Amino acid sequence: MPVLSQIVKDYPEVRIELNLDGRLSDLAEDRFDAGVRLGEFVGPDMIAVKVGPPLRIAAVATPEYFKKHGVPEHPVDLNAHDCLALRFSPHAAPYDWEFEKNGEQIVKKVSGSFIFSESDICLEACKAGHGIAFVTEPEVIMDLQDGSLRRILADWCPKFDGYHLFFSGRRQVSSGLRLVIDRLRYQDCLAANSECNT
């Protein structure tokens, strides 16, 4: 939002509509110029521009939940736990939890009392003690620091490509969208507070 805010200050003629719906919408069908989602959810027919740093997933629950149900030491142990699943569109299957360690990859189909379409409410249920959530690290960093949530299986959750702005390569890019792309484009050197030549 700070970047978009600066764009409309610098270019008052630009109008930006933001839709914060978490579902995996179709840009053409919903008449949007671009979207932002994790790289793995960007379709092959789209042009993707990296707009954020690499991310890690965090499997978390309350200390009370783990005290009552035990602490999973391996992804297979999740079979005995209430896992709070996410479904990113009404017709899709719940998102599988992906783990990797020392070259071993495990994809878990999890189950529990709830399936959510948004991570915010998933975390609300997690904090209420309903089970284990599987969300991006930045979403829970404060909760981990204050001890309200505890992380598990961290060594099974390597970094992966983060958020990308994506748009159709079949449509001409407007000057407004080009401005947004250029301003949001992620540069590793800038994120590391070092100087960068462009």
N, C-alpha and C. Protein backbone atom coordinates (compact mmCIF):
# COMPACT_ATOMS: atom_id res chain seq x y z
N MET A 1 0.80 -1.21 0.00
CA MET A 1 0.00 0.00 0.00
C MET A 1 0.84 1.28 0.00
N PRO A 2 1.97 1.34 0.72
CA PRO A 2 2.77 2.57 0.65
C PRO A 2 3.20 2.92 -0.78
N VAL A 3 3.53 1.91 -1.58
CA VAL A 3 3.95 2.16 -2.96
C VAL A 3 2.78 2.70 -3.79
N LEU A 4 1.62 2.07 -3.65
CA LEU A 4 0.45 2.52 -4.41
C LEU A 4 0.01 3.91 -3.96
N SER A 5 0.12 4.17 -2.67
CA SER A 5 -0.22 5.49 -2.15
C SER A 5 0.67 6.56 -2.78
N GLN A 6 1.95 6.26 -2.90
CA GLN A 6 2.88 7.24 -3.50
C GLN A 6 2.59 7.45 -4.97
N ILE A 7 2.17 6.38 -5.67
CA ILE A 7 1.84 6.51 -7.09
C ILE A 7 0.73 7.53 -7.29
N VAL A 8 -0.36 7.42 -6.52
CA VAL A 8 -1.48 8.35 -6.73
C VAL A 8 -1.13 9.76 -6.25
N LYS A 9 -0.17 9.90 -5.36
CA LYS A 9 0.31 11.24 -4.99
C LYS A 9 1.13 11.84 -6.13
N ASP A 10 1.98 11.01 -6.74
CA ASP A 10 2.83 11.48 -7.83
C ASP A 10 2.05 11.68 -9.14
N TYR A 11 1.01 10.86 -9.33
CA TYR A 11 0.23 10.91 -10.56
C TYR A 11 -1.26 10.97 -10.21
N PRO A 12 -1.77 12.16 -9.89
CA PRO A 12 -3.17 12.30 -9.43
C PRO A 12 -4.20 11.79 -10.44
N GLU A 13 -3.82 11.69 -11.72
CA GLU A 13 -4.78 11.23 -12.73
C GLU A 13 -4.96 9.71 -12.69
N VAL A 14 -4.08 9.00 -12.00
CA VAL A 14 -4.16 7.54 -11.93
C VAL A 14 -5.24 7.12 -10.93
N ARG A 15 -6.06 6.15 -11.33
CA ARG A 15 -7.10 5.59 -10.46
C ARG A 15 -6.78 4.11 -10.26
N ILE A 16 -6.72 3.67 -9.01
CA ILE A 16 -6.40 2.28 -8.70
C ILE A 16 -7.56 1.67 -7.92
N GLU A 17 -8.05 0.53 -8.41
CA GLU A 17 -9.07 -0.23 -7.69
C GLU A 17 -8.42 -1.48 -7.12
N LEU A 18 -8.55 -1.68 -5.81
CA LEU A 18 -7.99 -2.85 -5.16
C LEU A 18 -9.11 -3.77 -4.71
N ASN A 19 -9.01 -5.04 -5.05
CA ASN A 19 -9.95 -6.05 -4.56
C ASN A 19 -9.13 -7.02 -3.73
N LEU A 20 -9.42 -7.12 -2.43
CA LEU A 20 -8.61 -7.94 -1.53
C LEU A 20 -9.21 -9.33 -1.30
N ASP A 21 -10.05 -9.77 -2.22
CA ASP A 21 -10.62 -11.11 -2.15
C ASP A 21 -9.50 -12.14 -2.28
N GLY A 22 -9.44 -13.10 -1.37
CA GLY A 22 -8.36 -14.07 -1.37
C GLY A 22 -8.51 -15.20 -2.36
N ARG A 23 -9.66 -15.30 -3.03
CA ARG A 23 -9.84 -16.42 -3.96
C ARG A 23 -8.98 -16.23 -5.20
N LEU A 24 -8.72 -17.32 -5.90
CA LEU A 24 -7.92 -17.26 -7.12
C LEU A 24 -8.82 -16.87 -8.28
N SER A 25 -8.99 -15.59 -8.46
CA SER A 25 -9.92 -15.09 -9.47
C SER A 25 -9.30 -15.13 -10.86
N ASP A 26 -10.15 -15.02 -11.86
CA ASP A 26 -9.73 -14.96 -13.25
C ASP A 26 -9.69 -13.48 -13.65
N LEU A 27 -8.52 -12.99 -14.07
CA LEU A 27 -8.38 -11.56 -14.37
C LEU A 27 -9.34 -11.10 -15.45
N ALA A 28 -9.41 -11.85 -16.55
CA ALA A 28 -10.26 -11.44 -17.66
C ALA A 28 -11.73 -11.45 -17.25
N GLU A 29 -12.14 -12.51 -16.58
CA GLU A 29 -13.53 -12.65 -16.17
C GLU A 29 -13.94 -11.55 -15.19
N ASP A 30 -13.04 -11.21 -14.28
CA ASP A 30 -13.35 -10.19 -13.28
C ASP A 30 -12.93 -8.79 -13.70
N ARG A 31 -12.39 -8.67 -14.90
CA ARG A 31 -12.04 -7.38 -15.51
C ARG A 31 -11.00 -6.60 -14.71
N PHE A 32 -9.96 -7.31 -14.27
CA PHE A 32 -8.83 -6.67 -13.60
C PHE A 32 -7.63 -6.67 -14.54
N ASP A 33 -6.79 -5.64 -14.41
CA ASP A 33 -5.59 -5.54 -15.22
C ASP A 33 -4.50 -6.47 -14.71
N ALA A 34 -4.44 -6.66 -13.40
CA ALA A 34 -3.35 -7.46 -12.81
C ALA A 34 -3.80 -8.00 -11.46
N GLY A 35 -3.06 -8.97 -10.97
CA GLY A 35 -3.30 -9.54 -9.64
C GLY A 35 -1.99 -9.77 -8.94
N VAL A 36 -2.06 -10.09 -7.67
CA VAL A 36 -0.88 -10.44 -6.89
C VAL A 36 -1.17 -11.75 -6.18
N ARG A 37 -0.28 -12.71 -6.36
CA ARG A 37 -0.41 -13.99 -5.67
C ARG A 37 0.95 -14.67 -5.58
N LEU A 38 1.01 -15.71 -4.79
CA LEU A 38 2.25 -16.47 -4.69
C LEU A 38 2.62 -17.04 -6.06
N GLY A 39 3.92 -17.09 -6.34
CA GLY A 39 4.39 -17.51 -7.64
C GLY A 39 3.82 -18.84 -8.12
N GLU A 40 3.64 -19.79 -7.19
CA GLU A 40 3.16 -21.11 -7.59
C GLU A 40 1.72 -21.10 -8.08
N PHE A 41 0.97 -20.01 -7.80
CA PHE A 41 -0.42 -19.92 -8.23
C PHE A 41 -0.59 -19.07 -9.49
N VAL A 42 0.49 -18.62 -10.08
CA VAL A 42 0.41 -17.83 -11.31
C VAL A 42 0.35 -18.79 -12.49
N GLY A 43 -0.65 -18.63 -13.33
CA GLY A 43 -0.83 -19.52 -14.47
C GLY A 43 0.28 -19.38 -15.50
N PRO A 44 0.53 -20.43 -16.28
CA PRO A 44 1.61 -20.42 -17.27
C PRO A 44 1.39 -19.43 -18.40
N ASP A 45 0.14 -19.00 -18.60
CA ASP A 45 -0.15 -18.06 -19.68
C ASP A 45 -0.04 -16.60 -19.22
N MET A 46 0.44 -16.39 -18.00
CA MET A 46 0.55 -15.05 -17.45
C MET A 46 2.01 -14.60 -17.38
N ILE A 47 2.21 -13.29 -17.44
CA ILE A 47 3.53 -12.71 -17.20
C ILE A 47 3.60 -12.38 -15.71
N ALA A 48 4.66 -12.83 -15.05
CA ALA A 48 4.79 -12.62 -13.60
C ALA A 48 6.01 -11.77 -13.30
N VAL A 49 5.83 -10.82 -12.39
CA VAL A 49 6.91 -9.93 -11.96
C VAL A 49 7.03 -10.07 -10.44
N LYS A 50 8.20 -10.41 -9.98
CA LYS A 50 8.42 -10.60 -8.55
C LYS A 50 8.24 -9.26 -7.82
N VAL A 51 7.40 -9.26 -6.77
CA VAL A 51 7.15 -8.02 -6.02
C VAL A 51 7.47 -8.16 -4.53
N GLY A 52 8.05 -9.26 -4.15
CA GLY A 52 8.39 -9.45 -2.74
C GLY A 52 9.51 -10.44 -2.57
N PRO A 53 10.06 -10.52 -1.37
CA PRO A 53 11.18 -11.42 -1.11
C PRO A 53 10.72 -12.87 -1.03
N PRO A 54 11.66 -13.81 -1.02
CA PRO A 54 11.29 -15.21 -0.77
C PRO A 54 10.59 -15.32 0.58
N LEU A 55 9.70 -16.31 0.69
CA LEU A 55 8.93 -16.52 1.91
C LEU A 55 9.16 -17.92 2.46
N ARG A 56 8.75 -18.11 3.69
CA ARG A 56 8.68 -19.45 4.28
C ARG A 56 7.27 -19.63 4.83
N ILE A 57 6.83 -20.87 4.82
CA ILE A 57 5.56 -21.22 5.45
C ILE A 57 5.84 -21.57 6.91
N ALA A 58 4.88 -21.25 7.76
CA ALA A 58 5.00 -21.59 9.18
C ALA A 58 3.80 -22.44 9.60
N ALA A 59 4.07 -23.61 10.15
CA ALA A 59 3.02 -24.44 10.76
C ALA A 59 2.96 -24.06 12.23
N VAL A 60 1.82 -23.57 12.68
CA VAL A 60 1.71 -23.00 14.03
C VAL A 60 0.43 -23.42 14.73
N ALA A 61 0.48 -23.41 16.04
CA ALA A 61 -0.71 -23.60 16.88
C ALA A 61 -0.38 -22.98 18.24
N THR A 62 -1.37 -22.95 19.10
CA THR A 62 -1.14 -22.38 20.43
C THR A 62 -0.36 -23.37 21.30
N PRO A 63 0.38 -22.86 22.27
CA PRO A 63 1.07 -23.76 23.21
C PRO A 63 0.09 -24.70 23.91
N GLU A 64 -1.11 -24.20 24.18
CA GLU A 64 -2.13 -25.02 24.85
C GLU A 64 -2.56 -26.19 23.97
N TYR A 65 -2.69 -25.93 22.65
CA TYR A 65 -3.05 -27.00 21.73
C TYR A 65 -2.00 -28.11 21.78
N PHE A 66 -0.73 -27.73 21.71
CA PHE A 66 0.33 -28.73 21.71
C PHE A 66 0.43 -29.45 23.06
N LYS A 67 0.13 -28.75 24.13
CA LYS A 67 0.15 -29.39 25.45
C LYS A 67 -0.91 -30.48 25.53
N LYS A 68 -2.04 -30.22 24.90
CA LYS A 68 -3.16 -31.17 24.94
C LYS A 68 -3.00 -32.31 23.94
N HIS A 69 -2.45 -32.01 22.75
CA HIS A 69 -2.43 -33.00 21.66
C HIS A 69 -1.05 -33.53 21.29
N GLY A 70 -0.01 -32.96 21.89
CA GLY A 70 1.35 -33.37 21.55
C GLY A 70 1.91 -32.54 20.39
N VAL A 71 3.22 -32.63 20.22
CA VAL A 71 3.91 -31.83 19.20
C VAL A 71 4.35 -32.73 18.05
N PRO A 72 3.88 -32.48 16.83
CA PRO A 72 4.34 -33.26 15.68
C PRO A 72 5.83 -33.07 15.45
N GLU A 73 6.55 -34.18 15.30
CA GLU A 73 7.99 -34.11 15.06
C GLU A 73 8.33 -34.34 13.59
N HIS A 74 7.35 -34.82 12.82
CA HIS A 74 7.53 -35.15 11.41
C HIS A 74 6.21 -34.86 10.70
N PRO A 75 6.23 -34.46 9.42
CA PRO A 75 4.97 -34.19 8.72
C PRO A 75 3.94 -35.32 8.79
N VAL A 76 4.40 -36.56 8.83
CA VAL A 76 3.47 -37.70 8.93
C VAL A 76 2.65 -37.64 10.21
N ASP A 77 3.23 -37.06 11.27
CA ASP A 77 2.52 -36.95 12.55
C ASP A 77 1.28 -36.08 12.47
N LEU A 78 1.16 -35.28 11.41
CA LEU A 78 -0.01 -34.40 11.26
C LEU A 78 -1.30 -35.19 11.06
N ASN A 79 -1.17 -36.47 10.70
CA ASN A 79 -2.37 -37.31 10.53
C ASN A 79 -3.19 -37.38 11.80
N ALA A 80 -2.54 -37.23 12.94
CA ALA A 80 -3.24 -37.34 14.23
C ALA A 80 -3.66 -35.98 14.79
N HIS A 81 -3.60 -34.94 13.96
CA HIS A 81 -3.89 -33.59 14.44
C HIS A 81 -5.00 -32.91 13.66
N ASP A 82 -5.64 -31.93 14.31
CA ASP A 82 -6.60 -31.07 13.64
C ASP A 82 -5.83 -30.01 12.87
N CYS A 83 -5.92 -30.06 11.56
CA CYS A 83 -5.22 -29.10 10.70
C CYS A 83 -6.25 -28.18 10.05
N LEU A 84 -6.00 -26.89 10.13
CA LEU A 84 -6.92 -25.88 9.61
C LEU A 84 -6.58 -25.62 8.15
N ALA A 85 -7.40 -26.15 7.27
CA ALA A 85 -7.11 -26.12 5.84
C ALA A 85 -7.58 -24.83 5.19
N LEU A 86 -6.96 -24.53 4.05
CA LEU A 86 -7.36 -23.37 3.23
C LEU A 86 -7.76 -23.87 1.86
N ARG A 87 -8.85 -23.30 1.34
CA ARG A 87 -9.31 -23.60 -0.02
C ARG A 87 -9.37 -22.25 -0.74
N PHE A 88 -8.60 -22.08 -1.82
CA PHE A 88 -8.46 -20.77 -2.43
C PHE A 88 -9.50 -20.43 -3.48
N SER A 89 -10.33 -21.39 -3.86
CA SER A 89 -11.47 -21.09 -4.72
C SER A 89 -12.53 -22.14 -4.44
N PRO A 90 -13.81 -21.79 -4.65
CA PRO A 90 -14.90 -22.70 -4.27
C PRO A 90 -14.83 -24.08 -4.91
N HIS A 91 -14.27 -24.18 -6.10
CA HIS A 91 -14.28 -25.46 -6.82
C HIS A 91 -12.95 -26.21 -6.73
N ALA A 92 -12.01 -25.65 -5.97
CA ALA A 92 -10.70 -26.29 -5.84
C ALA A 92 -10.65 -27.18 -4.59
N ALA A 93 -9.73 -28.12 -4.60
CA ALA A 93 -9.51 -28.94 -3.40
C ALA A 93 -8.78 -28.08 -2.36
N PRO A 94 -8.92 -28.43 -1.08
CA PRO A 94 -8.12 -27.72 -0.07
C PRO A 94 -6.64 -27.80 -0.40
N TYR A 95 -5.92 -26.75 -0.04
CA TYR A 95 -4.50 -26.64 -0.34
C TYR A 95 -3.71 -27.71 0.42
N ASP A 96 -2.91 -28.48 -0.32
CA ASP A 96 -2.04 -29.48 0.30
C ASP A 96 -0.86 -28.80 0.99
N TRP A 97 -0.44 -29.33 2.12
CA TRP A 97 0.70 -28.79 2.84
C TRP A 97 1.97 -29.46 2.30
N GLU A 98 2.91 -28.64 1.87
CA GLU A 98 4.13 -29.14 1.24
C GLU A 98 5.32 -28.96 2.17
N PHE A 99 6.10 -30.02 2.32
CA PHE A 99 7.28 -30.02 3.18
C PHE A 99 8.48 -30.55 2.39
N GLU A 100 9.66 -30.07 2.79
CA GLU A 100 10.88 -30.55 2.14
C GLU A 100 12.04 -30.45 3.12
N LYS A 101 12.85 -31.52 3.15
CA LYS A 101 14.03 -31.53 4.02
C LYS A 101 15.04 -32.53 3.46
N ASN A 102 16.27 -32.08 3.30
CA ASN A 102 17.35 -32.95 2.81
C ASN A 102 16.97 -33.70 1.54
N GLY A 103 16.29 -33.01 0.64
CA GLY A 103 15.90 -33.61 -0.63
C GLY A 103 14.63 -34.44 -0.59
N GLU A 104 14.09 -34.70 0.60
CA GLU A 104 12.84 -35.46 0.73
C GLU A 104 11.67 -34.49 0.68
N GLN A 105 10.73 -34.76 -0.20
CA GLN A 105 9.53 -33.92 -0.32
C GLN A 105 8.31 -34.71 0.12
N ILE A 106 7.48 -34.05 0.92
CA ILE A 106 6.25 -34.67 1.41
C ILE A 106 5.09 -33.71 1.16
N VAL A 107 4.05 -34.20 0.53
CA VAL A 107 2.83 -33.41 0.30
C VAL A 107 1.73 -34.04 1.14
N LYS A 108 1.19 -33.26 2.07
CA LYS A 108 0.18 -33.78 2.99
C LYS A 108 -1.20 -33.25 2.66
N LYS A 109 -2.15 -34.17 2.52
CA LYS A 109 -3.56 -33.79 2.48
C LYS A 109 -4.03 -33.80 3.92
N VAL A 110 -4.34 -32.64 4.44
CA VAL A 110 -4.67 -32.53 5.87
C VAL A 110 -6.17 -32.44 6.07
N SER A 111 -6.59 -32.68 7.30
CA SER A 111 -8.01 -32.56 7.63
C SER A 111 -8.16 -32.05 9.05
N GLY A 112 -9.30 -31.48 9.30
CA GLY A 112 -9.61 -30.95 10.62
C GLY A 112 -11.03 -30.45 10.66
N SER A 113 -11.34 -29.69 11.67
CA SER A 113 -12.71 -29.22 11.86
C SER A 113 -13.12 -28.10 10.90
N PHE A 114 -12.15 -27.40 10.33
CA PHE A 114 -12.47 -26.24 9.51
C PHE A 114 -11.69 -26.25 8.20
N ILE A 115 -12.33 -25.65 7.18
CA ILE A 115 -11.67 -25.26 5.93
C ILE A 115 -12.02 -23.80 5.71
N PHE A 116 -11.02 -22.97 5.45
CA PHE A 116 -11.24 -21.54 5.30
C PHE A 116 -10.81 -21.08 3.91
N SER A 117 -11.35 -19.93 3.50
CA SER A 117 -10.94 -19.32 2.23
C SER A 117 -9.95 -18.18 2.46
N GLU A 118 -9.78 -17.76 3.71
CA GLU A 118 -8.89 -16.64 4.04
C GLU A 118 -8.00 -17.03 5.21
N SER A 119 -6.73 -16.64 5.14
CA SER A 119 -5.80 -17.00 6.21
C SER A 119 -6.07 -16.22 7.49
N ASP A 120 -6.66 -15.02 7.39
CA ASP A 120 -6.94 -14.23 8.60
C ASP A 120 -7.87 -14.98 9.55
N ILE A 121 -8.96 -15.51 9.02
CA ILE A 121 -9.91 -16.22 9.88
C ILE A 121 -9.36 -17.58 10.28
N CYS A 122 -8.52 -18.16 9.42
CA CYS A 122 -7.84 -19.41 9.76
C CYS A 122 -6.97 -19.20 11.00
N LEU A 123 -6.25 -18.09 11.04
CA LEU A 123 -5.40 -17.78 12.19
C LEU A 123 -6.23 -17.48 13.43
N GLU A 124 -7.40 -16.89 13.23
CA GLU A 124 -8.29 -16.63 14.36
C GLU A 124 -8.70 -17.96 15.02
N ALA A 125 -9.04 -18.93 14.18
CA ALA A 125 -9.41 -20.25 14.69
C ALA A 125 -8.21 -20.93 15.34
N CYS A 126 -7.04 -20.74 14.77
CA CYS A 126 -5.81 -21.30 15.32
C CYS A 126 -5.56 -20.75 16.72
N LYS A 127 -5.69 -19.44 16.87
CA LYS A 127 -5.45 -18.79 18.16
C LYS A 127 -6.51 -19.17 19.19
N ALA A 128 -7.67 -19.61 18.71
CA ALA A 128 -8.73 -20.07 19.61
C ALA A 128 -8.53 -21.53 20.00
N GLY A 129 -7.44 -22.15 19.50
CA GLY A 129 -7.11 -23.51 19.91
C GLY A 129 -7.71 -24.62 19.08
N HIS A 130 -8.22 -24.29 17.87
CA HIS A 130 -8.89 -25.30 17.04
C HIS A 130 -7.95 -26.18 16.24
N GLY A 131 -6.65 -25.86 16.21
CA GLY A 131 -5.74 -26.72 15.48
C GLY A 131 -4.53 -26.00 14.97
N ILE A 132 -3.87 -26.64 14.00
CA ILE A 132 -2.62 -26.16 13.42
C ILE A 132 -2.92 -25.42 12.12
N ALA A 133 -2.36 -24.23 11.99
CA ALA A 133 -2.49 -23.45 10.76
C ALA A 133 -1.19 -23.53 9.98
N PHE A 134 -1.28 -23.34 8.67
CA PHE A 134 -0.15 -23.42 7.76
C PHE A 134 -0.19 -22.16 6.91
N VAL A 135 0.53 -21.13 7.33
CA VAL A 135 0.43 -19.80 6.73
C VAL A 135 1.82 -19.23 6.48
N THR A 136 1.90 -18.09 5.81
CA THR A 136 3.21 -17.50 5.56
C THR A 136 3.78 -16.91 6.85
N GLU A 137 5.08 -16.98 6.95
CA GLU A 137 5.80 -16.55 8.14
C GLU A 137 5.47 -15.11 8.58
N PRO A 138 5.42 -14.14 7.63
CA PRO A 138 5.12 -12.77 8.07
C PRO A 138 3.77 -12.62 8.77
N GLU A 139 2.81 -13.50 8.45
CA GLU A 139 1.49 -13.40 9.06
C GLU A 139 1.51 -13.72 10.55
N VAL A 140 2.51 -14.46 11.01
CA VAL A 140 2.52 -14.91 12.41
C VAL A 140 3.76 -14.49 13.18
N ILE A 141 4.61 -13.67 12.58
CA ILE A 141 5.87 -13.34 13.23
C ILE A 141 5.68 -12.71 14.60
N MET A 142 4.70 -11.82 14.73
CA MET A 142 4.44 -11.17 16.02
C MET A 142 3.90 -12.17 17.04
N ASP A 143 3.05 -13.08 16.60
CA ASP A 143 2.48 -14.10 17.49
C ASP A 143 3.56 -15.07 17.98
N LEU A 144 4.52 -15.35 17.12
CA LEU A 144 5.63 -16.21 17.53
C LEU A 144 6.53 -15.49 18.52
N GLN A 145 6.73 -14.22 18.29
CA GLN A 145 7.59 -13.44 19.19
C GLN A 145 6.98 -13.27 20.57
N ASP A 146 5.65 -13.09 20.64
CA ASP A 146 5.03 -12.89 21.95
C ASP A 146 4.60 -14.20 22.62
N GLY A 147 4.82 -15.32 21.91
CA GLY A 147 4.55 -16.63 22.50
C GLY A 147 3.11 -17.10 22.42
N SER A 148 2.24 -16.33 21.76
CA SER A 148 0.84 -16.77 21.66
C SER A 148 0.69 -17.94 20.69
N LEU A 149 1.62 -18.07 19.75
CA LEU A 149 1.66 -19.23 18.86
C LEU A 149 3.04 -19.86 18.92
N ARG A 150 3.08 -21.16 18.65
CA ARG A 150 4.36 -21.89 18.64
C ARG A 150 4.51 -22.55 17.28
N ARG A 151 5.72 -22.49 16.77
CA ARG A 151 6.00 -23.05 15.45
C ARG A 151 6.50 -24.48 15.54
N ILE A 152 6.11 -25.30 14.57
CA ILE A 152 6.59 -26.68 14.48
C ILE A 152 7.13 -26.94 13.08
N LEU A 153 7.93 -27.97 12.94
CA LEU A 153 8.42 -28.46 11.65
C LEU A 153 9.12 -27.37 10.83
N ALA A 154 9.75 -26.41 11.49
CA ALA A 154 10.41 -25.30 10.78
C ALA A 154 11.50 -25.81 9.84
N ASP A 155 12.18 -26.88 10.23
CA ASP A 155 13.25 -27.40 9.38
C ASP A 155 12.70 -28.11 8.14
N TRP A 156 11.38 -28.30 8.07
CA TRP A 156 10.73 -28.89 6.91
C TRP A 156 10.13 -27.83 5.99
N CYS A 157 10.35 -26.56 6.31
CA CYS A 157 9.72 -25.47 5.56
C CYS A 157 10.77 -24.52 4.97
N PRO A 158 11.37 -24.89 3.83
CA PRO A 158 12.39 -24.02 3.23
C PRO A 158 11.75 -22.80 2.57
N LYS A 159 12.60 -21.85 2.23
CA LYS A 159 12.11 -20.65 1.52
C LYS A 159 11.64 -21.02 0.12
N PHE A 160 10.70 -20.23 -0.39
CA PHE A 160 10.20 -20.43 -1.75
C PHE A 160 9.90 -19.06 -2.34
N ASP A 161 9.67 -19.02 -3.65
CA ASP A 161 9.36 -17.75 -4.31
C ASP A 161 8.14 -17.11 -3.67
N GLY A 162 8.24 -15.82 -3.40
CA GLY A 162 7.16 -15.10 -2.74
C GLY A 162 6.11 -14.57 -3.70
N TYR A 163 5.65 -13.36 -3.43
CA TYR A 163 4.53 -12.79 -4.19
C TYR A 163 4.98 -12.22 -5.53
N HIS A 164 4.09 -12.39 -6.51
CA HIS A 164 4.31 -11.88 -7.86
C HIS A 164 3.09 -11.08 -8.30
N LEU A 165 3.34 -9.99 -9.00
CA LEU A 165 2.27 -9.31 -9.72
C LEU A 165 2.18 -10.01 -11.08
N PHE A 166 0.98 -10.34 -11.51
CA PHE A 166 0.85 -11.05 -12.78
C PHE A 166 -0.21 -10.40 -13.65
N PHE A 167 -0.04 -10.54 -14.96
CA PHE A 167 -0.97 -9.94 -15.91
C PHE A 167 -0.90 -10.71 -17.22
N SER A 168 -1.90 -10.54 -18.04
CA SER A 168 -1.96 -11.29 -19.29
C SER A 168 -0.98 -10.74 -20.30
N GLY A 169 -0.27 -11.65 -20.96
CA GLY A 169 0.64 -11.25 -22.03
C GLY A 169 -0.09 -10.98 -23.33
N ARG A 170 -1.39 -11.27 -23.35
CA ARG A 170 -2.17 -11.09 -24.57
C ARG A 170 -2.78 -9.69 -24.67
N ARG A 171 -2.71 -8.92 -23.56
CA ARG A 171 -3.28 -7.58 -23.58
C ARG A 171 -2.18 -6.54 -23.53
N GLN A 172 -2.44 -5.41 -24.15
CA GLN A 172 -1.47 -4.33 -24.11
C GLN A 172 -1.42 -3.76 -22.69
N VAL A 173 -0.22 -3.51 -22.21
CA VAL A 173 -0.05 -2.97 -20.86
C VAL A 173 -0.24 -1.46 -20.90
N SER A 174 -1.20 -0.98 -20.12
CA SER A 174 -1.46 0.46 -20.08
C SER A 174 -0.32 1.19 -19.37
N SER A 175 -0.25 2.49 -19.57
CA SER A 175 0.81 3.26 -18.92
C SER A 175 0.65 3.23 -17.40
N GLY A 176 -0.60 3.19 -16.92
CA GLY A 176 -0.84 3.11 -15.47
C GLY A 176 -0.36 1.80 -14.89
N LEU A 177 -0.65 0.69 -15.59
CA LEU A 177 -0.19 -0.61 -15.11
C LEU A 177 1.33 -0.71 -15.19
N ARG A 178 1.93 -0.16 -16.24
CA ARG A 178 3.38 -0.18 -16.36
C ARG A 178 4.02 0.55 -15.18
N LEU A 179 3.40 1.66 -14.77
CA LEU A 179 3.89 2.43 -13.63
C LEU A 179 3.83 1.59 -12.35
N VAL A 180 2.72 0.88 -12.14
CA VAL A 180 2.56 0.02 -10.97
C VAL A 180 3.61 -1.10 -10.99
N ILE A 181 3.79 -1.72 -12.16
CA ILE A 181 4.77 -2.80 -12.29
C ILE A 181 6.17 -2.30 -11.93
N ASP A 182 6.55 -1.17 -12.50
CA ASP A 182 7.89 -0.64 -12.27
C ASP A 182 8.12 -0.27 -10.81
N ARG A 183 7.10 0.27 -10.16
CA ARG A 183 7.26 0.69 -8.76
C ARG A 183 7.24 -0.49 -7.80
N LEU A 184 6.47 -1.54 -8.13
CA LEU A 184 6.35 -2.68 -7.23
C LEU A 184 7.43 -3.74 -7.45
N ARG A 185 8.12 -3.68 -8.58
CA ARG A 185 9.11 -4.70 -8.91
C ARG A 185 10.10 -4.87 -7.76
N TYR A 186 10.25 -6.09 -7.30
CA TYR A 186 11.14 -6.38 -6.16
C TYR A 186 12.58 -6.48 -6.62
N GLN A 187 13.46 -5.82 -5.89
CA GLN A 187 14.88 -5.89 -6.18
C GLN A 187 15.60 -6.37 -4.93
N ASP A 188 16.25 -7.51 -5.04
CA ASP A 188 16.93 -8.10 -3.89
C ASP A 188 17.91 -7.13 -3.24
N CYS A 189 18.62 -6.36 -4.05
CA CYS A 189 19.64 -5.47 -3.50
C CYS A 189 19.00 -4.36 -2.68
N LEU A 190 17.85 -3.84 -3.13
CA LEU A 190 17.19 -2.79 -2.36
C LEU A 190 16.62 -3.34 -1.06
N ALA A 191 16.08 -4.56 -1.13
CA ALA A 191 15.51 -5.16 0.07
C ALA A 191 16.58 -5.41 1.12
N ALA A 192 17.80 -5.61 0.66
CA ALA A 192 18.91 -5.87 1.60
C ALA A 192 19.58 -4.57 2.03
N ASN A 193 18.97 -3.41 1.68
CA ASN A 193 19.47 -2.10 2.06
C ASN A 193 20.85 -1.82 1.47
N SER A 194 21.13 -2.40 0.31
CA SER A 194 22.38 -2.12 -0.36
C SER A 194 22.11 -1.31 -1.61
N GLU A 195 23.13 -0.71 -2.16
CA GLU A 195 22.94 0.09 -3.37
C GLU A 195 22.80 -0.83 -4.56
N CYS A 196 22.07 -0.33 -5.54
CA CYS A 196 21.74 -1.19 -6.68
C CYS A 196 21.80 -0.36 -7.96
N ASN A 197 22.38 -0.88 -9.00
CA ASN A 197 22.36 -0.22 -10.30
C ASN A 197 21.24 -0.85 -11.14
N THR A 198 20.42 0.01 -11.75
CA THR A 198 19.34 -0.51 -12.59
C THR A 198 19.49 0.01 -14.01
